[in-house]
Structure formats: C-alpha cells, structure tokens
Amino acid sequence: MNKLKSGIVLAGGKSSRMGQDKALLDMGGKTLLEWTVHLAREVARDVLIVTDKLDRYTCAGVDIVADVYPESGPVSGIITGMRLAGEGWHLVTACDMPWLKKEAVEYMMHQISGDVEVILPGSADEGEPLCALYSHHALQQIERYFAAGRRSARGMVKDLHTLYISREELCRVCHEPRLFRSVNEYSDWQEYTRG
C-alpha cells in the first residue's frame, strides 16, 4: 500500500483536565507525542508537528512548525499542516490517542476515492475530525470555514465531502474497543500504562 503524503500531528492543546501537557506524558519510554509521530511515520512519507508551543517539544527527524493562528484551536492547526504538506492525502491526528492502531489508518486509506475530501471515523454528529484523513483539495473550504469565524472541527467536516466509517467497524478491524479514546485525565494515562 502506498503511504499518505504526510502525517500532521497536532500538539499543544490546553490539557486542562490532565493538569499537565499530555504530549509529554511518558508512555513506556516514549512521550505520547513521540508515540504518535511513530504511528504517523508508519503510514505517511513525511511527518510534521503543528503547535503554538515551539519551545516545548522536540522530536528527532520531524519538523515542528508554529500554528499560523496561535490559540485558535485544532482547525487552525489543520490549516497550518495542510498548507505546508501540499498536495495529496494526509493523516491529521491529535497527539493524545495511544490506543490508535496503524491498521485503523490503513483501513481508512483503502477508502480513498476521487470524490471524497475527508475520511473520518464516526458519524456526522459524533465523528473524530482529529483522527482522520484529509485530501489537500479540502483546504480552501477549511480556510473559508475558519475565516468565517467558525472553530468547531466537527462542524468543519460537515461542510466537506466526508466519508464516515463507523467506530465499531474500525474497532473490530483492530480488535481494540478503545481505539479513539483520548488520554484526557490522569486515570486514562494510568489505564494505558497498566496495559
């Protein structure tokens, strides 16, 4: 299978429920950010990290770029990453989903077709826009959405030609019921580190 053009990893959210930066959590010898970059490298030719906290992160062999609209949420991170990544299909993922599996991304990659702009786990109301595949062709519409003052990533994908794949289907493929679960609280991190 051909790899995606790029993996765009979004880092630097507020982590308010965790009380510390989730991207820097130790997940068995790697930070959560490093773990996410490793996953992105498995499915994409190039990987970049988009953040508004440039001084906080390092990751060997990966470009770390400043969000063009700091403190504006994940849609601006998607815009930044897609502008830099250029033509092709891109994995866009937040850095806080340690149960995510390469097989789920590859399953979504098999769904790529010419008339789709986004391939997203979930449904229109309960989708995972921060763990999805985006075609570069969606960028102009995403920029218009953002310029109109809209910031909801779930609302953004409703304006695009989006193919939804049920979470249940992807969880079955990977044999992992927590596939899209984020590490938002200390108890989530403990659950992951306990195995």
N, C-alpha and C. Protein backbone atom coordinates (compact mmCIF):
# COMPACT_ATOMS: atom_id res chain seq x y z
N MET A 1 0.84 -1.19 0.00
CA MET A 1 0.00 0.00 0.00
C MET A 1 0.88 1.24 0.00
N ASN A 2 0.53 2.20 -0.83
CA ASN A 2 1.25 3.47 -0.85
C ASN A 2 1.00 4.23 0.44
N LYS A 3 2.02 4.96 0.88
CA LYS A 3 1.87 5.77 2.09
C LYS A 3 1.15 7.07 1.75
N LEU A 4 0.57 7.68 2.77
CA LEU A 4 -0.02 9.01 2.66
C LEU A 4 1.09 10.01 2.40
N LYS A 5 0.75 11.17 1.88
CA LYS A 5 1.74 12.23 1.65
C LYS A 5 2.36 12.66 2.97
N SER A 6 1.52 12.88 3.99
CA SER A 6 2.08 13.34 5.26
C SER A 6 1.19 12.96 6.43
N GLY A 7 1.84 12.96 7.59
CA GLY A 7 1.14 12.86 8.86
C GLY A 7 1.27 14.19 9.56
N ILE A 8 0.16 14.77 9.92
CA ILE A 8 0.13 16.08 10.58
C ILE A 8 -0.32 15.83 12.02
N VAL A 9 0.60 16.01 12.95
CA VAL A 9 0.33 15.75 14.36
C VAL A 9 0.07 17.08 15.06
N LEU A 10 -1.10 17.19 15.68
CA LEU A 10 -1.46 18.42 16.39
C LEU A 10 -1.08 18.28 17.86
N ALA A 11 -0.30 19.21 18.37
CA ALA A 11 0.16 19.16 19.77
C ALA A 11 0.04 20.54 20.39
N GLY A 12 -0.08 20.56 21.70
CA GLY A 12 -0.07 21.85 22.39
C GLY A 12 -1.42 22.33 22.86
N GLY A 13 -2.38 21.41 22.94
CA GLY A 13 -3.68 21.80 23.49
C GLY A 13 -3.55 22.19 24.95
N LYS A 14 -4.62 22.61 25.53
CA LYS A 14 -4.58 23.13 26.90
C LYS A 14 -4.36 22.05 27.96
N SER A 15 -4.77 20.80 27.70
CA SER A 15 -4.61 19.69 28.66
C SER A 15 -5.18 20.07 30.03
N SER A 16 -6.28 20.82 30.05
CA SER A 16 -6.81 21.35 31.31
C SER A 16 -7.29 20.25 32.26
N ARG A 17 -7.89 19.19 31.75
CA ARG A 17 -8.34 18.11 32.63
C ARG A 17 -7.18 17.29 33.16
N MET A 18 -6.11 17.18 32.39
CA MET A 18 -4.94 16.40 32.82
C MET A 18 -4.12 17.16 33.85
N GLY A 19 -4.06 18.49 33.71
CA GLY A 19 -3.26 19.28 34.63
C GLY A 19 -1.80 19.38 34.24
N GLN A 20 -1.41 18.74 33.16
CA GLN A 20 -0.05 18.84 32.61
C GLN A 20 -0.14 18.55 31.13
N ASP A 21 0.91 18.85 30.40
CA ASP A 21 0.91 18.69 28.95
C ASP A 21 0.85 17.21 28.59
N LYS A 22 -0.25 16.78 27.97
CA LYS A 22 -0.43 15.37 27.61
C LYS A 22 0.63 14.89 26.65
N ALA A 23 1.06 15.74 25.75
CA ALA A 23 2.03 15.34 24.74
C ALA A 23 3.33 14.84 25.35
N LEU A 24 3.65 15.28 26.56
CA LEU A 24 4.90 14.93 27.20
C LEU A 24 4.78 13.78 28.19
N LEU A 25 3.61 13.17 28.30
CA LEU A 25 3.43 12.02 29.20
C LEU A 25 4.32 10.87 28.76
N ASP A 26 4.89 10.18 29.73
CA ASP A 26 5.72 9.01 29.44
C ASP A 26 4.81 7.81 29.20
N MET A 27 4.91 7.27 28.01
CA MET A 27 4.08 6.12 27.63
C MET A 27 4.99 4.90 27.44
N GLY A 28 5.77 4.58 28.45
CA GLY A 28 6.64 3.42 28.37
C GLY A 28 7.93 3.69 27.63
N GLY A 29 8.61 4.77 27.97
CA GLY A 29 9.89 5.08 27.34
C GLY A 29 9.82 6.10 26.22
N LYS A 30 8.63 6.41 25.75
CA LYS A 30 8.43 7.46 24.74
C LYS A 30 7.37 8.40 25.27
N THR A 31 7.47 9.65 24.86
CA THR A 31 6.38 10.56 25.20
C THR A 31 5.18 10.22 24.31
N LEU A 32 4.03 10.66 24.72
CA LEU A 32 2.83 10.44 23.91
C LEU A 32 3.00 11.08 22.53
N LEU A 33 3.66 12.22 22.47
CA LEU A 33 3.93 12.86 21.19
C LEU A 33 4.83 11.98 20.32
N GLU A 34 5.90 11.46 20.89
CA GLU A 34 6.80 10.58 20.12
C GLU A 34 6.07 9.34 19.64
N TRP A 35 5.22 8.77 20.47
CA TRP A 35 4.45 7.59 20.09
C TRP A 35 3.56 7.92 18.89
N THR A 36 2.91 9.07 18.91
CA THR A 36 2.03 9.47 17.81
C THR A 36 2.83 9.70 16.53
N VAL A 37 3.99 10.33 16.66
CA VAL A 37 4.86 10.54 15.49
C VAL A 37 5.28 9.19 14.90
N HIS A 38 5.61 8.23 15.76
CA HIS A 38 5.99 6.90 15.27
C HIS A 38 4.86 6.28 14.46
N LEU A 39 3.64 6.37 14.95
CA LEU A 39 2.48 5.85 14.22
C LEU A 39 2.33 6.56 12.87
N ALA A 40 2.45 7.88 12.88
CA ALA A 40 2.31 8.65 11.64
C ALA A 40 3.39 8.26 10.63
N ARG A 41 4.59 8.00 11.10
CA ARG A 41 5.67 7.58 10.19
C ARG A 41 5.38 6.24 9.53
N GLU A 42 4.62 5.39 10.20
CA GLU A 42 4.29 4.08 9.62
C GLU A 42 3.36 4.19 8.42
N VAL A 43 2.58 5.28 8.34
CA VAL A 43 1.58 5.39 7.27
C VAL A 43 1.81 6.56 6.32
N ALA A 44 2.77 7.43 6.65
CA ALA A 44 2.98 8.64 5.84
C ALA A 44 4.46 8.82 5.49
N ARG A 45 4.70 9.42 4.33
CA ARG A 45 6.09 9.66 3.89
C ARG A 45 6.77 10.74 4.73
N ASP A 46 6.04 11.79 5.05
CA ASP A 46 6.58 12.90 5.84
C ASP A 46 5.69 13.12 7.06
N VAL A 47 6.30 13.60 8.14
CA VAL A 47 5.54 13.90 9.36
C VAL A 47 5.94 15.29 9.83
N LEU A 48 4.94 16.05 10.27
CA LEU A 48 5.23 17.33 10.90
C LEU A 48 4.32 17.52 12.10
N ILE A 49 4.82 18.26 13.05
CA ILE A 49 4.08 18.57 14.27
C ILE A 49 3.69 20.04 14.19
N VAL A 50 2.41 20.31 14.42
CA VAL A 50 1.92 21.69 14.44
C VAL A 50 1.58 22.04 15.88
N THR A 51 2.11 23.16 16.35
CA THR A 51 1.89 23.57 17.73
C THR A 51 2.02 25.08 17.85
N ASP A 52 1.49 25.63 18.91
CA ASP A 52 1.76 27.03 19.21
C ASP A 52 2.74 27.15 20.38
N LYS A 53 3.38 26.02 20.70
CA LYS A 53 4.36 25.97 21.79
C LYS A 53 5.68 25.40 21.26
N LEU A 54 6.31 26.11 20.36
CA LEU A 54 7.52 25.62 19.69
C LEU A 54 8.64 25.27 20.66
N ASP A 55 8.76 26.01 21.74
CA ASP A 55 9.86 25.79 22.68
C ASP A 55 9.65 24.57 23.57
N ARG A 56 8.49 23.96 23.52
CA ARG A 56 8.16 22.88 24.45
C ARG A 56 8.52 21.49 23.90
N TYR A 57 8.52 21.32 22.59
CA TYR A 57 8.63 19.98 22.01
C TYR A 57 9.89 19.80 21.18
N THR A 58 10.41 18.58 21.23
CA THR A 58 11.46 18.15 20.31
C THR A 58 11.10 16.74 19.88
N CYS A 59 11.45 16.42 18.67
CA CYS A 59 11.20 15.07 18.16
C CYS A 59 12.16 14.85 16.99
N ALA A 60 13.06 13.92 17.14
CA ALA A 60 14.13 13.70 16.16
C ALA A 60 13.58 13.46 14.76
N GLY A 61 14.12 14.20 13.80
CA GLY A 61 13.80 13.98 12.40
C GLY A 61 12.44 14.48 11.96
N VAL A 62 11.78 15.28 12.77
CA VAL A 62 10.44 15.77 12.45
C VAL A 62 10.44 17.29 12.50
N ASP A 63 9.85 17.90 11.50
CA ASP A 63 9.70 19.36 11.52
C ASP A 63 8.61 19.73 12.51
N ILE A 64 8.92 20.69 13.36
CA ILE A 64 7.94 21.23 14.30
C ILE A 64 7.67 22.65 13.85
N VAL A 65 6.41 22.94 13.54
CA VAL A 65 6.07 24.23 12.94
C VAL A 65 5.05 24.97 13.81
N ALA A 66 5.12 26.29 13.73
CA ALA A 66 4.22 27.15 14.50
C ALA A 66 2.86 27.23 13.83
N ASP A 67 1.84 27.08 14.62
CA ASP A 67 0.47 27.27 14.15
C ASP A 67 0.34 28.70 13.65
N VAL A 68 -0.21 28.88 12.45
CA VAL A 68 -0.31 30.23 11.89
C VAL A 68 -1.32 31.10 12.63
N TYR A 69 -2.25 30.48 13.34
CA TYR A 69 -3.23 31.21 14.14
C TYR A 69 -3.17 30.68 15.57
N PRO A 70 -2.16 31.08 16.36
CA PRO A 70 -1.99 30.53 17.71
C PRO A 70 -3.25 30.70 18.57
N GLU A 71 -3.42 29.73 19.46
CA GLU A 71 -4.53 29.77 20.43
C GLU A 71 -5.89 29.78 19.76
N SER A 72 -5.98 29.24 18.55
CA SER A 72 -7.25 29.27 17.82
C SER A 72 -7.87 27.89 17.63
N GLY A 73 -7.31 26.88 18.26
CA GLY A 73 -7.90 25.56 18.20
C GLY A 73 -7.40 24.69 17.07
N PRO A 74 -7.93 23.48 16.99
CA PRO A 74 -7.40 22.49 16.05
C PRO A 74 -7.64 22.81 14.57
N VAL A 75 -8.69 23.53 14.24
CA VAL A 75 -8.93 23.84 12.82
C VAL A 75 -7.76 24.64 12.27
N SER A 76 -7.24 25.58 13.05
CA SER A 76 -6.10 26.35 12.57
C SER A 76 -4.86 25.47 12.44
N GLY A 77 -4.70 24.48 13.31
CA GLY A 77 -3.60 23.53 13.18
C GLY A 77 -3.72 22.70 11.91
N ILE A 78 -4.93 22.32 11.57
CA ILE A 78 -5.17 21.57 10.33
C ILE A 78 -4.80 22.43 9.12
N ILE A 79 -5.21 23.69 9.14
CA ILE A 79 -4.87 24.60 8.05
C ILE A 79 -3.35 24.73 7.92
N THR A 80 -2.68 24.97 9.03
CA THR A 80 -1.23 25.12 9.01
C THR A 80 -0.56 23.89 8.42
N GLY A 81 -0.94 22.73 8.92
CA GLY A 81 -0.33 21.49 8.45
C GLY A 81 -0.59 21.22 6.99
N MET A 82 -1.82 21.43 6.56
CA MET A 82 -2.15 21.15 5.16
C MET A 82 -1.49 22.13 4.21
N ARG A 83 -1.35 23.39 4.61
CA ARG A 83 -0.64 24.37 3.77
C ARG A 83 0.81 23.92 3.54
N LEU A 84 1.44 23.46 4.58
CA LEU A 84 2.84 23.05 4.48
C LEU A 84 3.01 21.70 3.79
N ALA A 85 2.05 20.81 3.98
CA ALA A 85 2.18 19.44 3.45
C ALA A 85 1.96 19.38 1.94
N GLY A 86 1.13 20.26 1.42
CA GLY A 86 0.91 20.30 -0.03
C GLY A 86 -0.07 19.26 -0.53
N GLU A 87 0.01 18.98 -1.82
CA GLU A 87 -0.94 18.08 -2.49
C GLU A 87 -0.90 16.68 -1.89
N GLY A 88 -2.02 15.97 -2.04
CA GLY A 88 -2.09 14.58 -1.60
C GLY A 88 -3.03 14.40 -0.42
N TRP A 89 -2.95 13.21 0.14
CA TRP A 89 -3.76 12.84 1.31
C TRP A 89 -2.89 12.85 2.55
N HIS A 90 -3.51 13.30 3.68
CA HIS A 90 -2.77 13.48 4.91
C HIS A 90 -3.55 12.89 6.09
N LEU A 91 -2.82 12.24 6.97
CA LEU A 91 -3.38 11.86 8.27
C LEU A 91 -3.27 13.09 9.16
N VAL A 92 -4.39 13.51 9.74
CA VAL A 92 -4.38 14.56 10.75
C VAL A 92 -4.79 13.89 12.05
N THR A 93 -3.93 14.01 13.05
CA THR A 93 -4.25 13.39 14.33
C THR A 93 -3.78 14.23 15.50
N ALA A 94 -4.58 14.22 16.54
CA ALA A 94 -4.15 14.81 17.81
C ALA A 94 -3.13 13.86 18.41
N CYS A 95 -2.36 14.34 19.35
CA CYS A 95 -1.29 13.51 19.92
C CYS A 95 -1.71 12.81 21.20
N ASP A 96 -3.01 12.60 21.40
CA ASP A 96 -3.44 12.05 22.70
C ASP A 96 -4.28 10.78 22.59
N MET A 97 -4.04 9.97 21.55
CA MET A 97 -4.82 8.73 21.36
C MET A 97 -3.89 7.52 21.32
N PRO A 98 -3.42 7.05 22.47
CA PRO A 98 -2.42 5.98 22.47
C PRO A 98 -2.94 4.61 22.04
N TRP A 99 -4.24 4.44 21.97
CA TRP A 99 -4.79 3.15 21.54
C TRP A 99 -4.98 3.09 20.02
N LEU A 100 -4.75 4.19 19.34
CA LEU A 100 -4.89 4.22 17.89
C LEU A 100 -3.92 3.23 17.25
N LYS A 101 -4.37 2.52 16.25
CA LYS A 101 -3.55 1.49 15.59
C LYS A 101 -3.34 1.82 14.11
N LYS A 102 -2.18 1.42 13.62
CA LYS A 102 -1.85 1.59 12.21
C LYS A 102 -2.91 0.94 11.33
N GLU A 103 -3.43 -0.20 11.74
CA GLU A 103 -4.42 -0.93 10.94
C GLU A 103 -5.68 -0.11 10.71
N ALA A 104 -6.06 0.70 11.68
CA ALA A 104 -7.25 1.56 11.51
C ALA A 104 -6.99 2.61 10.45
N VAL A 105 -5.80 3.21 10.48
CA VAL A 105 -5.46 4.22 9.48
C VAL A 105 -5.39 3.58 8.09
N GLU A 106 -4.77 2.42 8.01
CA GLU A 106 -4.69 1.73 6.71
C GLU A 106 -6.07 1.35 6.19
N TYR A 107 -6.97 0.96 7.06
CA TYR A 107 -8.33 0.65 6.66
C TYR A 107 -8.99 1.89 6.05
N MET A 108 -8.78 3.04 6.69
CA MET A 108 -9.33 4.29 6.15
C MET A 108 -8.66 4.62 4.81
N MET A 109 -7.37 4.35 4.69
CA MET A 109 -6.65 4.63 3.45
C MET A 109 -7.25 3.85 2.27
N HIS A 110 -7.74 2.65 2.54
CA HIS A 110 -8.35 1.84 1.48
C HIS A 110 -9.65 2.47 0.95
N GLN A 111 -10.20 3.44 1.68
CA GLN A 111 -11.45 4.08 1.29
C GLN A 111 -11.25 5.34 0.45
N ILE A 112 -10.00 5.73 0.23
CA ILE A 112 -9.71 6.94 -0.53
C ILE A 112 -10.27 6.80 -1.95
N SER A 113 -11.01 7.84 -2.36
CA SER A 113 -11.53 7.89 -3.74
C SER A 113 -11.57 9.34 -4.18
N GLY A 114 -11.75 9.55 -5.46
CA GLY A 114 -11.67 10.88 -6.05
C GLY A 114 -12.73 11.86 -5.59
N ASP A 115 -13.89 11.37 -5.16
CA ASP A 115 -14.97 12.30 -4.82
C ASP A 115 -15.07 12.58 -3.32
N VAL A 116 -14.12 12.12 -2.54
CA VAL A 116 -14.14 12.29 -1.09
C VAL A 116 -13.03 13.25 -0.69
N GLU A 117 -13.31 14.13 0.28
CA GLU A 117 -12.29 15.06 0.78
C GLU A 117 -11.78 14.69 2.16
N VAL A 118 -12.62 13.99 2.93
CA VAL A 118 -12.25 13.59 4.29
C VAL A 118 -12.76 12.18 4.52
N ILE A 119 -11.95 11.38 5.18
CA ILE A 119 -12.37 10.05 5.64
C ILE A 119 -12.23 10.06 7.14
N LEU A 120 -13.37 9.86 7.80
CA LEU A 120 -13.45 10.16 9.22
C LEU A 120 -14.12 9.04 10.00
N PRO A 121 -13.52 8.60 11.10
CA PRO A 121 -14.20 7.63 11.97
C PRO A 121 -15.38 8.28 12.68
N GLY A 122 -16.47 7.53 12.77
CA GLY A 122 -17.64 8.02 13.49
C GLY A 122 -18.75 8.46 12.56
N SER A 123 -19.55 9.40 13.05
CA SER A 123 -20.70 9.89 12.30
C SER A 123 -20.64 11.42 12.24
N ALA A 124 -21.57 12.02 11.53
CA ALA A 124 -21.59 13.48 11.39
C ALA A 124 -21.69 14.17 12.75
N ASP A 125 -22.43 13.59 13.69
CA ASP A 125 -22.60 14.23 15.00
C ASP A 125 -21.55 13.81 16.01
N GLU A 126 -20.98 12.63 15.83
CA GLU A 126 -20.03 12.10 16.81
C GLU A 126 -18.75 11.62 16.14
N GLY A 127 -18.24 12.37 15.18
CA GLY A 127 -17.06 11.96 14.45
C GLY A 127 -15.76 12.31 15.15
N GLU A 128 -14.67 11.86 14.55
CA GLU A 128 -13.32 12.07 15.08
C GLU A 128 -12.50 12.91 14.09
N PRO A 129 -12.78 14.20 13.97
CA PRO A 129 -12.05 15.02 12.99
C PRO A 129 -10.58 15.19 13.31
N LEU A 130 -10.16 14.83 14.52
CA LEU A 130 -8.75 14.94 14.88
C LEU A 130 -8.06 13.59 14.82
N CYS A 131 -8.65 12.69 14.06
CA CYS A 131 -8.03 11.41 13.73
C CYS A 131 -8.65 10.98 12.41
N ALA A 132 -8.29 11.68 11.35
CA ALA A 132 -8.96 11.48 10.07
C ALA A 132 -7.98 11.69 8.93
N LEU A 133 -8.40 11.28 7.74
CA LEU A 133 -7.62 11.51 6.53
C LEU A 133 -8.23 12.68 5.79
N TYR A 134 -7.39 13.61 5.34
CA TYR A 134 -7.84 14.81 4.63
C TYR A 134 -7.14 14.90 3.29
N SER A 135 -7.90 15.17 2.25
CA SER A 135 -7.32 15.48 0.94
C SER A 135 -6.96 16.96 0.92
N HIS A 136 -5.86 17.26 0.27
CA HIS A 136 -5.46 18.67 0.14
C HIS A 136 -6.55 19.50 -0.56
N HIS A 137 -7.38 18.84 -1.35
CA HIS A 137 -8.47 19.55 -2.05
C HIS A 137 -9.46 20.19 -1.08
N ALA A 138 -9.47 19.76 0.17
CA ALA A 138 -10.39 20.32 1.16
C ALA A 138 -9.88 21.63 1.76
N LEU A 139 -8.62 21.96 1.53
CA LEU A 139 -8.01 23.09 2.24
C LEU A 139 -8.73 24.41 2.02
N GLN A 140 -9.09 24.75 0.80
CA GLN A 140 -9.75 26.04 0.57
C GLN A 140 -11.06 26.17 1.33
N GLN A 141 -11.85 25.11 1.36
CA GLN A 141 -13.11 25.15 2.10
C GLN A 141 -12.85 25.27 3.60
N ILE A 142 -11.83 24.58 4.10
CA ILE A 142 -11.50 24.69 5.52
C ILE A 142 -11.06 26.12 5.85
N GLU A 143 -10.28 26.73 4.96
CA GLU A 143 -9.85 28.11 5.19
C GLU A 143 -11.04 29.07 5.19
N ARG A 144 -12.01 28.86 4.29
CA ARG A 144 -13.21 29.70 4.28
C ARG A 144 -14.01 29.53 5.58
N TYR A 145 -14.14 28.30 6.01
CA TYR A 145 -14.84 28.00 7.26
C TYR A 145 -14.19 28.75 8.42
N PHE A 146 -12.88 28.70 8.51
CA PHE A 146 -12.14 29.36 9.59
C PHE A 146 -12.25 30.87 9.48
N ALA A 147 -12.14 31.40 8.26
CA ALA A 147 -12.22 32.85 8.04
C ALA A 147 -13.60 33.40 8.44
N ALA A 148 -14.61 32.55 8.40
CA ALA A 148 -15.96 32.97 8.79
C ALA A 148 -16.14 32.95 10.32
N GLY A 149 -15.05 32.67 11.04
CA GLY A 149 -15.11 32.69 12.50
C GLY A 149 -15.56 31.37 13.11
N ARG A 150 -15.66 30.37 12.32
CA ARG A 150 -16.11 29.06 12.81
C ARG A 150 -14.89 28.27 13.27
N ARG A 151 -15.02 27.59 14.42
CA ARG A 151 -13.87 26.91 15.02
C ARG A 151 -14.10 25.43 15.32
N SER A 152 -15.31 24.95 15.21
CA SER A 152 -15.61 23.55 15.54
C SER A 152 -15.09 22.61 14.45
N ALA A 153 -14.21 21.68 14.84
CA ALA A 153 -13.69 20.72 13.87
C ALA A 153 -14.80 19.79 13.38
N ARG A 154 -15.74 19.42 14.26
CA ARG A 154 -16.86 18.58 13.82
C ARG A 154 -17.76 19.32 12.85
N GLY A 155 -17.98 20.60 13.09
CA GLY A 155 -18.76 21.40 12.15
C GLY A 155 -18.06 21.55 10.81
N MET A 156 -16.74 21.65 10.85
CA MET A 156 -15.96 21.83 9.64
C MET A 156 -16.15 20.67 8.67
N VAL A 157 -16.09 19.44 9.17
CA VAL A 157 -16.18 18.28 8.27
C VAL A 157 -17.57 18.14 7.68
N LYS A 158 -18.56 18.73 8.31
CA LYS A 158 -19.92 18.68 7.75
C LYS A 158 -20.03 19.50 6.47
N ASP A 159 -19.12 20.47 6.30
CA ASP A 159 -19.10 21.30 5.09
C ASP A 159 -18.29 20.68 3.96
N LEU A 160 -17.70 19.52 4.20
CA LEU A 160 -16.83 18.87 3.22
C LEU A 160 -17.46 17.57 2.73
N HIS A 161 -16.95 17.04 1.63
CA HIS A 161 -17.39 15.72 1.14
C HIS A 161 -16.71 14.68 2.01
N THR A 162 -17.43 14.27 3.06
CA THR A 162 -16.86 13.41 4.09
C THR A 162 -17.45 12.01 4.01
N LEU A 163 -16.57 11.03 4.05
CA LEU A 163 -16.97 9.63 4.16
C LEU A 163 -16.79 9.23 5.61
N TYR A 164 -17.88 8.80 6.23
CA TYR A 164 -17.83 8.38 7.62
C TYR A 164 -17.71 6.85 7.68
N ILE A 165 -16.82 6.37 8.52
CA ILE A 165 -16.68 4.94 8.78
C ILE A 165 -16.98 4.74 10.25
N SER A 166 -17.86 3.80 10.56
CA SER A 166 -18.29 3.66 11.95
C SER A 166 -17.11 3.28 12.85
N ARG A 167 -17.13 3.82 14.05
CA ARG A 167 -16.11 3.49 15.04
C ARG A 167 -16.08 1.99 15.30
N GLU A 168 -17.29 1.42 15.37
CA GLU A 168 -17.39 -0.01 15.66
C GLU A 168 -16.67 -0.85 14.61
N GLU A 169 -16.84 -0.47 13.35
CA GLU A 169 -16.19 -1.19 12.26
C GLU A 169 -14.66 -1.12 12.40
N LEU A 170 -14.14 0.06 12.69
CA LEU A 170 -12.70 0.22 12.84
C LEU A 170 -12.18 -0.48 14.09
N CYS A 171 -12.94 -0.45 15.16
CA CYS A 171 -12.54 -1.16 16.39
C CYS A 171 -12.49 -2.67 16.16
N ARG A 172 -13.44 -3.20 15.37
CA ARG A 172 -13.42 -4.63 15.04
C ARG A 172 -12.18 -4.98 14.23
N VAL A 173 -11.85 -4.14 13.26
CA VAL A 173 -10.68 -4.39 12.42
C VAL A 173 -9.42 -4.49 13.28
N CYS A 174 -9.32 -3.67 14.31
CA CYS A 174 -8.11 -3.59 15.13
C CYS A 174 -8.20 -4.38 16.43
N HIS A 175 -9.36 -4.93 16.72
CA HIS A 175 -9.56 -5.66 17.98
C HIS A 175 -9.21 -4.79 19.19
N GLU A 176 -9.61 -3.54 19.11
CA GLU A 176 -9.33 -2.59 20.19
C GLU A 176 -10.53 -1.68 20.40
N PRO A 177 -11.32 -1.92 21.46
CA PRO A 177 -12.52 -1.10 21.68
C PRO A 177 -12.23 0.35 22.06
N ARG A 178 -11.01 0.63 22.52
CA ARG A 178 -10.66 2.00 22.95
C ARG A 178 -9.94 2.78 21.87
N LEU A 179 -9.99 2.33 20.65
CA LEU A 179 -9.20 2.84 19.53
C LEU A 179 -9.11 4.36 19.48
N PHE A 180 -10.22 5.05 19.66
CA PHE A 180 -10.24 6.51 19.51
C PHE A 180 -10.35 7.24 20.84
N ARG A 181 -10.08 6.54 21.89
CA ARG A 181 -10.17 7.14 23.22
C ARG A 181 -8.94 8.02 23.47
N SER A 182 -9.18 9.21 23.93
CA SER A 182 -8.10 10.15 24.24
C SER A 182 -7.65 10.01 25.68
N VAL A 183 -6.41 10.37 25.92
CA VAL A 183 -5.90 10.46 27.28
C VAL A 183 -6.18 11.89 27.74
N ASN A 184 -7.27 12.05 28.46
CA ASN A 184 -7.66 13.39 28.90
C ASN A 184 -7.45 13.62 30.38
N GLU A 185 -7.47 12.55 31.15
CA GLU A 185 -7.35 12.66 32.59
C GLU A 185 -6.28 11.71 33.08
N TYR A 186 -5.82 11.93 34.28
CA TYR A 186 -4.76 11.10 34.85
C TYR A 186 -5.16 9.63 34.87
N SER A 187 -6.43 9.34 35.12
CA SER A 187 -6.89 7.94 35.15
C SER A 187 -6.77 7.28 33.77
N ASP A 188 -6.95 8.03 32.69
CA ASP A 188 -6.77 7.49 31.34
C ASP A 188 -5.31 7.08 31.12
N TRP A 189 -4.42 7.94 31.56
CA TRP A 189 -3.00 7.66 31.41
C TRP A 189 -2.61 6.42 32.22
N GLN A 190 -3.12 6.33 33.46
CA GLN A 190 -2.84 5.15 34.29
C GLN A 190 -3.36 3.88 33.62
N GLU A 191 -4.55 3.95 33.04
CA GLU A 191 -5.11 2.77 32.36
C GLU A 191 -4.22 2.33 31.22
N TYR A 192 -3.73 3.28 30.45
CA TYR A 192 -2.87 2.91 29.33
C TYR A 192 -1.55 2.30 29.83
N THR A 193 -0.94 2.91 30.82
CA THR A 193 0.37 2.43 31.28
C THR A 193 0.27 1.09 32.00
N ARG A 194 -0.90 0.75 32.53
CA ARG A 194 -1.09 -0.57 33.14
C ARG A 194 -1.26 -1.66 32.11
N GLY A 195 -1.56 -1.24 30.85
CA GLY A 195 -1.74 -2.22 29.77
C GLY A 195 -3.15 -2.59 29.66
